[in-house]
C-alpha atoms as a PDB file:
ATOM      1  CA  MET A   1      14.548 -22.649  21.604  1.00  0.00           C
ATOM      2  CA  MET A   2      14.000 -18.886  21.810  1.00  0.00           C
ATOM      3  CA  THR A   3      10.916 -17.594  20.011  1.00  0.00           C
ATOM      4  CA  LEU A   4      11.539 -14.701  17.634  1.00  0.00           C
ATOM      5  CA  TYR A   5       9.025 -12.530  15.806  1.00  0.00           C
ATOM      6  CA  LEU A   6       8.751 -11.792  12.103  1.00  0.00           C
ATOM      7  CA  GLY A   7       6.810  -8.803  10.795  1.00  0.00           C
ATOM      8  CA  LEU A   8       6.317  -8.315   7.070  1.00  0.00           C
ATOM      9  CA  ASP A   9       4.677  -5.570   5.029  1.00  0.00           C
ATOM     10  CA  GLY A  10       3.977  -6.318   1.366  1.00  0.00           C
ATOM     11  CA  GLY A  11       2.299  -4.323  -1.385  1.00  0.00           C
ATOM     12  CA  GLY A  12       2.318  -3.627  -5.080  1.00  0.00           C
ATOM     13  CA  THR A  13       5.832  -2.197  -5.145  1.00  0.00           C
ATOM     14  CA  GLY A  14       7.677  -4.548  -2.790  1.00  0.00           C
ATOM     15  CA  CYS A  15       7.809  -6.040   0.676  1.00  0.00           C
ATOM     16  CA  ARG A  16       9.911  -5.500   3.789  1.00  0.00           C
ATOM     17  CA  ALA A  17      10.477  -7.881   6.660  1.00  0.00           C
ATOM     18  CA  ALA A  18      12.088  -7.610  10.074  1.00  0.00           C
ATOM     19  CA  ILE A  19      12.811 -10.095  12.855  1.00  0.00           C
ATOM     20  CA  ALA A  20      12.818  -8.958  16.476  1.00  0.00           C
ATOM     21  CA  ASP A  21      13.197 -10.524  19.883  1.00  0.00           C
ATOM     22  CA  ALA A  22      10.609 -10.310  22.671  1.00  0.00           C
ATOM     23  CA  GLY A  23      11.991  -6.940  23.728  1.00  0.00           C
ATOM     24  CA  GLY A  24      11.509  -5.458  20.270  1.00  0.00           C
ATOM     25  CA  ARG A  25      15.203  -5.395  19.328  1.00  0.00           C
ATOM     26  CA  ILE A  26      15.582  -5.762  15.541  1.00  0.00           C
ATOM     27  CA  LEU A  27      17.890  -8.668  14.717  1.00  0.00           C
ATOM     28  CA  GLY A  28      17.537  -8.926  10.947  1.00  0.00           C
ATOM     29  CA  GLU A  29      15.843  -7.224   8.009  1.00  0.00           C
ATOM     30  CA  GLY A  30      15.090  -8.121   4.404  1.00  0.00           C
ATOM     31  CA  GLN A  31      13.358  -6.944   1.266  1.00  0.00           C
ATOM     32  CA  GLY A  32      11.525  -8.614  -1.599  1.00  0.00           C
ATOM     33  CA  GLY A  33       9.478  -7.836  -4.671  1.00  0.00           C
ATOM     34  CA  PRO A  34       5.760  -7.084  -5.034  1.00  0.00           C
ATOM     35  CA  ALA A  35       3.438  -9.115  -2.822  1.00  0.00           C
ATOM     36  CA  ASN A  36      -0.240  -9.259  -3.746  1.00  0.00           C
ATOM     37  CA  ILE A  37      -1.444 -12.694  -2.669  1.00  0.00           C
ATOM     38  CA  ASN A  38      -4.761 -12.338  -4.485  1.00  0.00           C
ATOM     39  CA  SER A  39      -3.700 -11.197  -7.959  1.00  0.00           C
ATOM     40  CA  ASP A  40      -0.305 -12.974  -8.057  1.00  0.00           C
ATOM     41  CA  PRO A  41      -0.088 -15.604  -5.300  1.00  0.00           C
ATOM     42  CA  HIS A  42       2.998 -17.368  -6.672  1.00  0.00           C
ATOM     43  CA  GLY A  43       4.948 -14.166  -7.248  1.00  0.00           C
ATOM     44  CA  ALA A  44       3.884 -12.880  -3.836  1.00  0.00           C
ATOM     45  CA  MET A  45       5.094 -16.047  -2.120  1.00  0.00           C
ATOM     46  CA  ALA A  46       8.484 -15.739  -3.818  1.00  0.00           C
ATOM     47  CA  SER A  47       8.756 -12.113  -2.658  1.00  0.00           C
ATOM     48  CA  ILE A  48       7.653 -12.967   0.885  1.00  0.00           C
ATOM     49  CA  LEU A  49      10.155 -15.802   1.203  1.00  0.00           C
ATOM     50  CA  ALA A  50      12.960 -13.669  -0.242  1.00  0.00           C
ATOM     51  CA  ALA A  51      12.367 -10.903   2.303  1.00  0.00           C
ATOM     52  CA  ALA A  52      11.904 -13.349   5.178  1.00  0.00           C
ATOM     53  CA  THR A  53      15.006 -15.345   4.240  1.00  0.00           C
ATOM     54  CA  ALA A  54      17.175 -12.215   4.146  1.00  0.00           C
ATOM     55  CA  ALA A  55      15.862 -11.265   7.589  1.00  0.00           C
ATOM     56  CA  MET A  56      16.529 -14.787   8.910  1.00  0.00           C
ATOM     57  CA  VAL A  57      20.095 -14.681   7.628  1.00  0.00           C
ATOM     58  CA  GLY A  58      20.655 -11.389   9.422  1.00  0.00           C
ATOM     59  CA  ALA A  59      19.080 -12.691  12.632  1.00  0.00           C
ATOM     60  CA  GLY A  60      20.656 -16.144  12.500  1.00  0.00           C
ATOM     61  CA  ALA A  61      17.138 -17.586  12.773  1.00  0.00           C
ATOM     62  CA  ARG A  62      15.350 -20.603  11.334  1.00  0.00           C
ATOM     63  CA  PRO A  63      11.739 -20.720  10.133  1.00  0.00           C
ATOM     64  CA  GLY A  64      10.737 -22.866  13.088  1.00  0.00           C
ATOM     65  CA  ASP A  65      11.932 -20.148  15.477  1.00  0.00           C
ATOM     66  CA  LEU A  66       9.477 -17.596  14.155  1.00  0.00           C
ATOM     67  CA  VAL A  67       5.999 -16.387  15.002  1.00  0.00           C
ATOM     68  CA  ALA A  68       5.020 -14.268  12.017  1.00  0.00           C
ATOM     69  CA  VAL A  69       2.407 -11.716  11.028  1.00  0.00           C
ATOM     70  CA  LEU A  70       2.290 -10.702   7.381  1.00  0.00           C
ATOM     71  CA  GLY A  71       0.336  -7.672   6.235  1.00  0.00           C
ATOM     72  CA  VAL A  72       0.091  -8.021   2.460  1.00  0.00           C
ATOM     73  CA  ALA A  73      -1.982  -6.722  -0.421  1.00  0.00           C
ATOM     74  CA  GLY A  74      -4.852  -9.115  -1.010  1.00  0.00           C
ATOM     75  CA  GLY A  75      -4.689 -10.320   2.593  1.00  0.00           C
ATOM     76  CA  GLY A  76      -8.287  -9.291   3.112  1.00  0.00           C
ATOM     77  CA  MET A  77      -9.398 -12.109   0.795  1.00  0.00           C
ATOM     78  CA  THR A  78     -10.062 -14.992   3.176  1.00  0.00           C
ATOM     79  CA  ASP A  79      -9.232 -17.858   0.813  1.00  0.00           C
ATOM     80  CA  ALA A  80      -6.013 -16.215  -0.381  1.00  0.00           C
ATOM     81  CA  ALA A  81      -4.918 -15.482   3.191  1.00  0.00           C
ATOM     82  CA  ARG A  82      -5.567 -19.021   4.432  1.00  0.00           C
ATOM     83  CA  ALA A  83      -3.823 -20.558   1.396  1.00  0.00           C
ATOM     84  CA  THR A  84      -0.779 -18.361   2.004  1.00  0.00           C
ATOM     85  CA  GLU A  85      -0.674 -19.272   5.693  1.00  0.00           C
ATOM     86  CA  ALA A  86      -0.707 -22.970   4.761  1.00  0.00           C
ATOM     87  CA  ARG A  87       2.391 -22.538   2.589  1.00  0.00           C
ATOM     88  CA  LEU A  88       4.487 -20.604   5.096  1.00  0.00           C
ATOM     89  CA  PRO A  89       7.279 -22.483   6.912  1.00  0.00           C
ATOM     90  CA  PHE A  90       7.074 -20.616  10.224  1.00  0.00           C
ATOM     91  CA  ALA A  91       6.135 -22.040  13.623  1.00  0.00           C
ATOM     92  CA  ARG A  92       3.016 -19.905  13.622  1.00  0.00           C
ATOM     93  CA  ALA A  93       1.769 -17.355  11.096  1.00  0.00           C
ATOM     94  CA  ARG A  94      -1.139 -15.043  10.446  1.00  0.00           C
ATOM     95  CA  VAL A  95      -1.800 -13.264   7.145  1.00  0.00           C
ATOM     96  CA  VAL A  96      -3.875 -10.070   7.132  1.00  0.00           C
ATOM     97  CA  ASN A  97      -4.514  -7.194   4.786  1.00  0.00           C
ATOM     98  CA  ASP A  98      -1.685  -4.672   4.702  1.00  0.00           C
ATOM     99  CA  ALA A  99      -4.043  -1.979   5.993  1.00  0.00           C
ATOM    100  CA  VAL A 100      -4.336  -3.833   9.308  1.00  0.00           C
ATOM    101  CA  THR A 101      -0.610  -3.845  10.036  1.00  0.00           C
ATOM    102  CA  ALA A 102      -0.172  -0.350   8.607  1.00  0.00           C
ATOM    103  CA  ALA A 103      -2.872   0.994  10.917  1.00  0.00           C
ATOM    104  CA  ARG A 104      -1.352  -0.737  13.942  1.00  0.00           C
ATOM    105  CA  GLY A 105       2.066   0.689  13.166  1.00  0.00           C
ATOM    106  CA  ALA A 106       0.920   4.196  12.251  1.00  0.00           C
ATOM    107  CA  LEU A 107      -1.788   4.697  14.882  1.00  0.00           C
ATOM    108  CA  GLY A 108      -0.621   2.466  17.709  1.00  0.00           C
ATOM    109  CA  ASP A 109      -3.521   2.194  20.160  1.00  0.00           C
ATOM    110  CA  ALA A 110      -4.830   5.692  19.408  1.00  0.00           C
ATOM    111  CA  ASP A 111      -8.069   6.531  17.623  1.00  0.00           C
ATOM    112  CA  GLY A 112      -7.565   7.887  14.136  1.00  0.00           C
ATOM    113  CA  ILE A 113      -7.901   7.412  10.410  1.00  0.00           C
ATOM    114  CA  LEU A 114      -5.171   5.928   8.268  1.00  0.00           C
ATOM    115  CA  LEU A 115      -4.651   6.734   4.602  1.00  0.00           C
ATOM    116  CA  ALA A 116      -2.082   4.383   3.099  1.00  0.00           C
ATOM    117  CA  VAL A 117      -1.417   5.324  -0.502  1.00  0.00           C
ATOM    118  CA  GLY A 118       1.391   4.240  -2.765  1.00  0.00           C
ATOM    119  CA  THR A 119       1.028   1.875  -5.712  1.00  0.00           C
ATOM    120  CA  GLY A 120      -2.380   1.017  -4.218  1.00  0.00           C
ATOM    121  CA  SER A 121      -4.534   2.763  -1.639  1.00  0.00           C
ATOM    122  CA  VAL A 122      -6.591   1.829   1.393  1.00  0.00           C
ATOM    123  CA  LEU A 123      -8.156   3.662   4.313  1.00  0.00           C
ATOM    124  CA  ALA A 124      -8.960   2.477   7.829  1.00  0.00           C
ATOM    125  CA  ARG A 125     -10.575   3.936  10.931  1.00  0.00           C
ATOM    126  CA  GLN A 126      -9.455   2.867  14.388  1.00  0.00           C
ATOM    127  CA  ARG A 127     -11.765   3.811  17.232  1.00  0.00           C
ATOM    128  CA  GLY A 128     -11.934   2.197  20.646  1.00  0.00           C
ATOM    129  CA  GLY A 129      -9.675  -0.614  19.468  1.00  0.00           C
ATOM    130  CA  ALA A 130     -11.982  -1.561  16.575  1.00  0.00           C
ATOM    131  CA  LEU A 131     -10.653  -1.296  13.016  1.00  0.00           C
ATOM    132  CA  HIS A 132     -12.859  -0.609  10.001  1.00  0.00           C
ATOM    133  CA  GLN A 133     -11.311  -0.640   6.525  1.00  0.00           C
ATOM    134  CA  ILE A 134     -12.602   0.738   3.244  1.00  0.00           C
ATOM    135  CA  GLY A 135     -11.089   0.641  -0.239  1.00  0.00           C
ATOM    136  CA  GLY A 136      -7.981  -1.352  -1.046  1.00  0.00           C
ATOM    137  CA  ARG A 137      -9.677  -3.391  -3.766  1.00  0.00           C
ATOM    138  CA  GLY A 138      -7.063  -3.217  -6.500  1.00  0.00           C
ATOM    139  CA  PHE A 139      -6.469  -0.675  -9.223  1.00  0.00           C
ATOM    140  CA  LEU A 140      -8.886  -2.265 -11.706  1.00  0.00           C
ATOM    141  CA  MET A 141     -11.920  -1.670  -9.487  1.00  0.00           C
ATOM    142  CA  GLY A 142     -10.729   0.586  -6.682  1.00  0.00           C
ATOM    143  CA  ASP A 143      -7.561   2.000  -5.105  1.00  0.00           C
ATOM    144  CA  GLU A 144      -8.730   5.559  -5.726  1.00  0.00           C
ATOM    145  CA  GLY A 145      -5.938   8.116  -5.595  1.00  0.00           C
ATOM    146  CA  SER A 146      -3.224   5.461  -5.784  1.00  0.00           C
ATOM    147  CA  GLY A 147      -0.151   5.686  -7.954  1.00  0.00           C
ATOM    148  CA  ALA A 148      -1.426   2.918 -10.221  1.00  0.00           C
ATOM    149  CA  VAL A 149      -4.783   4.608 -10.750  1.00  0.00           C
ATOM    150  CA  LEU A 150      -3.141   8.005 -11.271  1.00  0.00           C
ATOM    151  CA  GLY A 151      -0.861   6.543 -13.944  1.00  0.00           C
ATOM    152  CA  ARG A 152      -3.706   4.727 -15.651  1.00  0.00           C
ATOM    153  CA  THR A 153      -5.872   7.855 -15.567  1.00  0.00           C
ATOM    154  CA  LEU A 154      -3.067   9.947 -17.020  1.00  0.00           C
ATOM    155  CA  LEU A 155      -2.613   7.639 -19.997  1.00  0.00           C
ATOM    156  CA  ALA A 156      -6.362   7.336 -20.561  1.00  0.00           C
ATOM    157  CA  ARG A 157      -6.654  11.106 -20.565  1.00  0.00           C
ATOM    158  CA  ALA A 158      -3.810  11.394 -23.076  1.00  0.00           C
ATOM    159  CA  MET A 159      -5.740   9.152 -25.466  1.00  0.00           C
ATOM    160  CA  ARG A 160      -9.022  10.962 -24.890  1.00  0.00           C
ATOM    161  CA  ALA A 161      -7.309  14.266 -25.628  1.00  0.00           C
ATOM    162  CA  ALA A 162      -6.053  12.875 -28.933  1.00  0.00           C
ATOM    163  CA  ASP A 163      -9.672  12.068 -29.805  1.00  0.00           C
ATOM    164  CA  GLY A 164     -10.813  15.564 -28.880  1.00  0.00           C
ATOM    165  CA  LEU A 165     -12.774  14.324 -25.870  1.00  0.00           C
ATOM    166  CA  GLU A 166     -10.551  16.098 -23.339  1.00  0.00           C
ATOM    167  CA  ALA A 167      -8.599  19.340 -23.413  1.00  0.00           C
ATOM    168  CA  ASP A 168      -5.044  18.592 -24.500  1.00  0.00           C
ATOM    169  CA  SER A 169      -2.005  19.745 -22.536  1.00  0.00           C
ATOM    170  CA  PRO A 170       1.788  19.702 -22.892  1.00  0.00           C
ATOM    171  CA  LEU A 171       2.068  16.700 -20.558  1.00  0.00           C
ATOM    172  CA  LEU A 172      -0.541  14.673 -22.444  1.00  0.00           C
ATOM    173  CA  ALA A 173       1.039  15.474 -25.807  1.00  0.00           C
ATOM    174  CA  ALA A 174       4.488  14.550 -24.494  1.00  0.00           C
ATOM    175  CA  LEU A 175       3.203  11.199 -23.259  1.00  0.00           C
ATOM    176  CA  ARG A 176       1.724  10.328 -26.639  1.00  0.00           C
ATOM    177  CA  THR A 177       5.070  11.077 -28.246  1.00  0.00           C
ATOM    178  CA  GLU A 178       6.983   9.096 -25.612  1.00  0.00           C
ATOM    179  CA  PHE A 179       4.775   6.015 -25.944  1.00  0.00           C
ATOM    180  CA  GLY A 180       4.537   6.109 -29.730  1.00  0.00           C
ATOM    181  CA  GLY A 181       0.964   7.333 -29.971  1.00  0.00           C
ATOM    182  CA  ILE A 182      -2.298   5.705 -28.967  1.00  0.00           C
ATOM    183  CA  GLU A 183      -1.240   2.242 -30.131  1.00  0.00           C
ATOM    184  CA  GLY A 184       1.866   2.436 -27.986  1.00  0.00           C
ATOM    185  CA  ILE A 185      -0.152   3.475 -24.934  1.00  0.00           C
ATOM    186  CA  ILE A 186      -2.558   0.586 -25.488  1.00  0.00           C
ATOM    187  CA  ALA A 187       0.317  -1.868 -25.864  1.00  0.00           C
ATOM    188  CA  PHE A 188       1.849  -0.625 -22.617  1.00  0.00           C
ATOM    189  CA  GLY A 189      -1.451  -0.772 -20.738  1.00  0.00           C
ATOM    190  CA  THR A 190      -2.199  -4.290 -21.926  1.00  0.00           C
ATOM    191  CA  ALA A 191       0.866  -5.726 -20.188  1.00  0.00           C
ATOM    192  CA  ALA A 192       1.714  -3.155 -17.486  1.00  0.00           C
ATOM    193  CA  THR A 193       1.732  -4.045 -13.811  1.00  0.00           C
ATOM    194  CA  PRO A 194       0.261  -1.715 -11.181  1.00  0.00           C
ATOM    195  CA  ALA A 195       3.809  -0.692 -10.252  1.00  0.00           C
ATOM    196  CA  GLN A 196       4.543   0.271 -13.871  1.00  0.00           C
ATOM    197  CA  PHE A 197       1.427   2.439 -14.005  1.00  0.00           C
ATOM    198  CA  ALA A 198       2.393   3.941 -10.650  1.00  0.00           C
ATOM    199  CA  ALA A 199       5.810   4.917 -12.032  1.00  0.00           C
ATOM    200  CA  LEU A 200       3.990   7.630 -14.019  1.00  0.00           C
ATOM    201  CA  ALA A 201       2.436   9.235 -10.927  1.00  0.00           C
ATOM    202  CA  PRO A 202       5.437  11.474 -10.063  1.00  0.00           C
ATOM    203  CA  ARG A 203       4.772  13.375 -13.300  1.00  0.00           C
ATOM    204  CA  LEU A 204       1.517  14.584 -11.750  1.00  0.00           C
ATOM    205  CA  VAL A 205       2.740  15.573  -8.294  1.00  0.00           C
ATOM    206  CA  GLY A 206       3.425  19.293  -8.086  1.00  0.00           C
ATOM    207  CA  SER A 207       2.970  19.763 -11.825  1.00  0.00           C
ATOM    208  CA  ASP A 208       1.578  23.006 -13.254  1.00  0.00           C
ATOM    209  CA  ASP A 209       0.212  21.163 -16.274  1.00  0.00           C
ATOM    210  CA  PRO A 210      -3.575  21.710 -16.372  1.00  0.00           C
ATOM    211  CA  ALA A 211      -4.316  18.030 -16.996  1.00  0.00           C
ATOM    212  CA  ALA A 212      -2.054  16.996 -14.114  1.00  0.00           C
ATOM    213  CA  ARG A 213      -3.754  19.469 -11.772  1.00  0.00           C
ATOM    214  CA  ALA A 214      -7.204  18.239 -12.781  1.00  0.00           C
ATOM    215  CA  ILE A 215      -6.269  14.591 -12.181  1.00  0.00           C
ATOM    216  CA  MET A 216      -4.758  15.326  -8.774  1.00  0.00           C
ATOM    217  CA  GLN A 217      -7.712  17.489  -7.728  1.00  0.00           C
ATOM    218  CA  ALA A 218     -10.155  14.715  -8.658  1.00  0.00           C
ATOM    219  CA  ALA A 219      -8.099  12.090  -6.801  1.00  0.00           C
ATOM    220  CA  THR A 220      -7.864  14.298  -3.702  1.00  0.00           C
ATOM    221  CA  ALA A 221     -11.623  14.824  -3.774  1.00  0.00           C
ATOM    222  CA  GLN A 222     -12.205  11.063  -3.851  1.00  0.00           C
ATOM    223  CA  ILE A 223      -9.920  10.496  -0.868  1.00  0.00           C
ATOM    224  CA  ASP A 224     -11.446  13.427   0.997  1.00  0.00           C
ATOM    225  CA  ALA A 225     -14.908  11.902   0.489  1.00  0.00           C
ATOM    226  CA  ALA A 226     -13.706   8.545   1.829  1.00  0.00           C
ATOM    227  CA  ILE A 227     -12.250  10.208   4.927  1.00  0.00           C
ATOM    228  CA  ALA A 228     -15.573  11.989   5.492  1.00  0.00           C
ATOM    229  CA  VAL A 229     -17.366   8.613   5.411  1.00  0.00           C
ATOM    230  CA  LEU A 230     -14.979   7.235   8.032  1.00  0.00           C
ATOM    231  CA  GLN A 231     -15.266  10.201  10.405  1.00  0.00           C
ATOM    232  CA  GLN A 232     -18.846   9.485  11.552  1.00  0.00           C
ATOM    233  CA  GLY A 233     -19.052  11.500  14.719  1.00  0.00           C
ATOM    234  CA  ALA A 234     -16.240  13.158  16.644  1.00  0.00           C
ATOM    235  CA  ALA A 235     -13.517  14.273  14.256  1.00  0.00           C
ATOM    236  CA  LEU A 236     -10.513  11.957  14.137  1.00  0.00           C
ATOM    237  CA  PRO A 237      -6.977  12.896  13.099  1.00  0.00           C
ATOM    238  CA  VAL A 238      -5.725  11.547   9.777  1.00  0.00           C
ATOM    239  CA  THR A 239      -2.350   9.866   9.284  1.00  0.00           C
ATOM    240  CA  CYS A 240      -1.053   9.586   5.723  1.00  0.00           C
ATOM    241  CA  ILE A 241       1.612   7.031   4.827  1.00  0.00           C
ATOM    242  CA  GLY A 242       3.078   5.514   1.680  1.00  0.00           C
ATOM    243  CA  GLY A 243       4.849   6.949  -1.319  1.00  0.00           C
ATOM    244  CA  LEU A 244       2.085   9.483  -1.985  1.00  0.00           C
ATOM    245  CA  GLY A 245       1.199  10.016   1.668  1.00  0.00           C
ATOM    246  CA  ALA A 246       2.983  13.357   2.034  1.00  0.00           C
ATOM    247  CA  THR A 247       1.383  14.673  -1.161  1.00  0.00           C
ATOM    248  CA  TYR A 248      -2.128  13.962   0.066  1.00  0.00           C
ATOM    249  CA  ALA A 249      -1.350  15.099   3.612  1.00  0.00           C
ATOM    250  CA  GLN A 250      -0.525  18.537   2.261  1.00  0.00           C
ATOM    251  CA  ALA A 251      -3.650  18.647   0.116  1.00  0.00           C
ATOM    252  CA  LEU A 252      -5.928  17.445   2.939  1.00  0.00           C
ATOM    253  CA  ALA A 253      -4.452  19.622   5.710  1.00  0.00           C
ATOM    254  CA  PRO A 254      -6.896  22.531   5.208  1.00  0.00           C
ATOM    255  CA  ARG A 255      -9.833  20.198   5.947  1.00  0.00           C
ATOM    256  CA  TRP A 256      -8.557  17.568   8.405  1.00  0.00           C
ATOM    257  CA  THR A 257      -6.147  17.377  11.331  1.00  0.00           C
ATOM    258  CA  ILE A 258      -3.046  15.578  10.044  1.00  0.00           C
ATOM    259  CA  ARG A 259      -1.011  13.532  12.510  1.00  0.00           C
ATOM    260  CA  PRO A 260       2.371  11.876  11.768  1.00  0.00           C
ATOM    261  CA  ALA A 261       2.705   8.103  11.914  1.00  0.00           C
ATOM    262  CA  GLN A 262       3.912   6.565  15.171  1.00  0.00           C
ATOM    263  CA  GLY A 263       5.668   3.721  13.341  1.00  0.00           C
ATOM    264  CA  SER A 264       5.791   1.694  10.149  1.00  0.00           C
ATOM    265  CA  ALA A 265       3.658  -1.179   8.877  1.00  0.00           C
ATOM    266  CA  VAL A 266       6.506  -3.544   9.771  1.00  0.00           C
ATOM    267  CA  ASP A 267       6.400  -2.170  13.327  1.00  0.00           C
ATOM    268  CA  GLY A 268       2.686  -2.927  13.365  1.00  0.00           C
ATOM    269  CA  ALA A 269       3.213  -6.478  12.085  1.00  0.00           C
ATOM    270  CA  LEU A 270       5.874  -7.105  14.739  1.00  0.00           C
ATOM    271  CA  ALA A 271       3.576  -5.851  17.498  1.00  0.00           C
ATOM    272  CA  MET A 272       0.825  -8.161  16.271  1.00  0.00           C
ATOM    273  CA  ALA A 273       3.269 -11.090  16.044  1.00  0.00           C
ATOM    274  CA  ARG A 274       4.200 -10.646  19.711  1.00  0.00           C
ATOM    275  CA  GLU A 275       0.508 -10.766  20.594  1.00  0.00           C
ATOM    276  CA  LEU A 276       0.034 -13.880  18.455  1.00  0.00           C
ATOM    277  CA  ALA A 277       2.632 -15.874  20.335  1.00  0.00           C
ATOM    278  CA  PRO A 278       1.234 -18.424  22.826  1.00  0.00           C
END
């Protein structure tokens, strides 16, 4: 039996999987839904298996053929990671936080800082082969600068403006109308997923609305401060990935050296899977 390698990257918006042979040739690929194994373990497992199954169909592979590394949101929670590993059907599997595989793919073996920011956000520093991660703790208590936090902040500001606690703006007024006023915003926020909050973030990017500019400036300042914490010594280049990566790369370029990603998070997971094999 020939051993094949499965790499999977999963986050708040969706997950992607690829199967490769020992030489790195991609044999099959697949996609699935959101995959946060801490906040929604059952939904994440369904998404993971959907993406992996599609990749197996393309590769003509069976679960027992595969050595797998999964970089998923919530993978930094030890209990959640071990529980997920126990439920996977592969010959061998390791579950890690998505920042680990993203850093491996984006930075390769080089020293640098990774900013991965889409629905969620996380940062990591790689120096001398050692990886140190900060952030990535979910949009309720972290994920600064992420799409989910930007969307939540935008709606909160729209309500505060209605109360006279913030300066109003055309964007904030339009949102109150669109959502049916404060009650409609509250109803949305009560049931919305991080991805649904993040769907509002594009309204902020590149906007001339004063509220949008203020929100983006504050988010950029938070990310800039996190990068400064990670630098600690000789300046490291910064690689920005994810749906909002290009936006922040442009904003951060005057202060930090920006370097393009060498590869994707799936590339990183595949590289780690090849190292995991006996």
